[in-house]
């Protein structure tokens, strides 16, 4: 009875083969020490929202606006 069961039942619904995943970091031995490097090939480029750009362009002299945009940008990517 167990031999009759399908070991991969999900293949009925998805015929595509799974792709290879890229690693976020890789390790390399440099001068006898292992070091960690970011794999930047598939990293998304960070961009400033057009809304924030307009705020900065329109109110370039307003310190509060500049500080607000800077805080939002750094808080989003600060981990």
Protein backbone atom coordinates (compact mmCIF):
# COMPACT_ATOMS: atom_id res chain seq x y z
CA UNK A 1 0.00 0.00 0.00
CA UNK A 2 2.85 2.47 0.84
CA UNK A 3 4.56 1.71 -2.49
CA UNK A 4 1.43 2.95 -4.30
CA UNK A 5 1.61 6.41 -2.64
CA UNK A 6 3.07 9.34 -4.60
CA UNK A 7 6.27 10.63 -2.90
CA UNK A 8 5.88 14.01 -4.69
CA UNK A 9 2.17 14.80 -4.72
CA UNK A 10 2.71 18.49 -5.47
CA UNK A 11 4.17 17.76 -8.90
CA UNK A 12 0.63 17.13 -10.16
CA UNK A 13 -0.11 20.82 -9.70
CA UNK A 14 3.22 22.41 -10.59
CA UNK A 15 5.12 21.01 -13.56
CA UNK A 16 7.99 23.51 -13.52
CA UNK A 17 11.30 22.45 -12.10
CA UNK A 18 12.54 24.41 -9.09
CA UNK A 19 15.27 26.90 -9.92
CA UNK A 20 18.58 27.36 -8.21
CA UNK A 21 18.69 29.91 -5.45
CA UNK A 22 21.45 32.46 -5.12
CA UNK A 23 23.14 32.88 -1.80
CA UNK A 24 23.16 36.22 -0.02
CA UNK A 25 26.68 35.76 1.32
CA UNK A 26 29.70 33.66 0.50
CA UNK A 27 32.85 32.74 2.38
CA UNK A 28 36.39 33.04 1.10
CA UNK A 29 39.70 32.28 2.74
CA UNK A 30 41.93 35.37 2.62
CA UNK A 31 45.42 35.22 4.07
CA UNK A 32 44.54 32.10 6.03
CA UNK A 33 41.38 33.61 7.58
CA UNK A 34 37.80 32.99 6.51
CA UNK A 35 35.92 36.15 5.57
CA UNK A 36 32.27 36.74 4.73
CA UNK A 37 31.32 38.69 1.59
CA UNK A 38 27.95 39.92 0.36
CA UNK A 39 26.83 38.58 -2.98
CA UNK A 40 25.89 41.88 -4.61
CA UNK A 41 24.98 40.39 -8.00
CA UNK A 42 21.26 40.08 -7.22
CA UNK A 43 20.94 42.82 -4.62
CA UNK A 44 18.19 45.31 -5.41
CA UNK A 45 19.25 48.89 -5.90
CA UNK A 46 17.97 51.23 -3.22
CA UNK A 47 16.22 54.27 -4.57
CA UNK A 48 14.60 57.27 -3.04
CA UNK A 49 10.87 57.49 -3.64
CA UNK A 50 9.78 60.13 -6.20
CA UNK A 51 7.56 61.62 -3.50
CA UNK A 52 10.53 62.14 -1.21
CA UNK A 53 12.58 63.53 -4.10
CA UNK A 54 9.89 66.11 -4.79
CA UNK A 55 9.80 67.04 -1.11
CA UNK A 56 13.54 67.55 -1.09
CA UNK A 57 13.56 69.54 -4.34
CA UNK A 58 10.61 71.74 -3.40
CA UNK A 59 11.64 72.39 0.18
CA UNK A 60 15.40 72.14 -0.06
CA UNK A 61 15.88 74.92 2.50
CA UNK A 62 13.52 73.38 5.08
CA UNK A 63 15.59 71.46 7.62
CA UNK A 64 12.56 69.62 9.05
CA UNK A 65 11.72 68.14 5.64
CA UNK A 66 15.31 67.02 5.05
CA UNK A 67 15.47 65.43 8.52
CA UNK A 68 12.13 63.65 8.01
CA UNK A 69 13.21 62.16 4.67
CA UNK A 70 16.58 61.13 6.09
CA UNK A 71 14.95 59.45 9.12
CA UNK A 72 12.45 57.53 6.96
CA UNK A 73 15.15 56.37 4.57
CA UNK A 74 17.64 55.24 7.23
CA UNK A 75 14.99 53.66 9.50
CA UNK A 76 13.71 51.47 6.66
CA UNK A 77 17.12 49.98 5.90
CA UNK A 78 18.71 49.99 9.33
CA UNK A 79 18.93 46.46 10.73
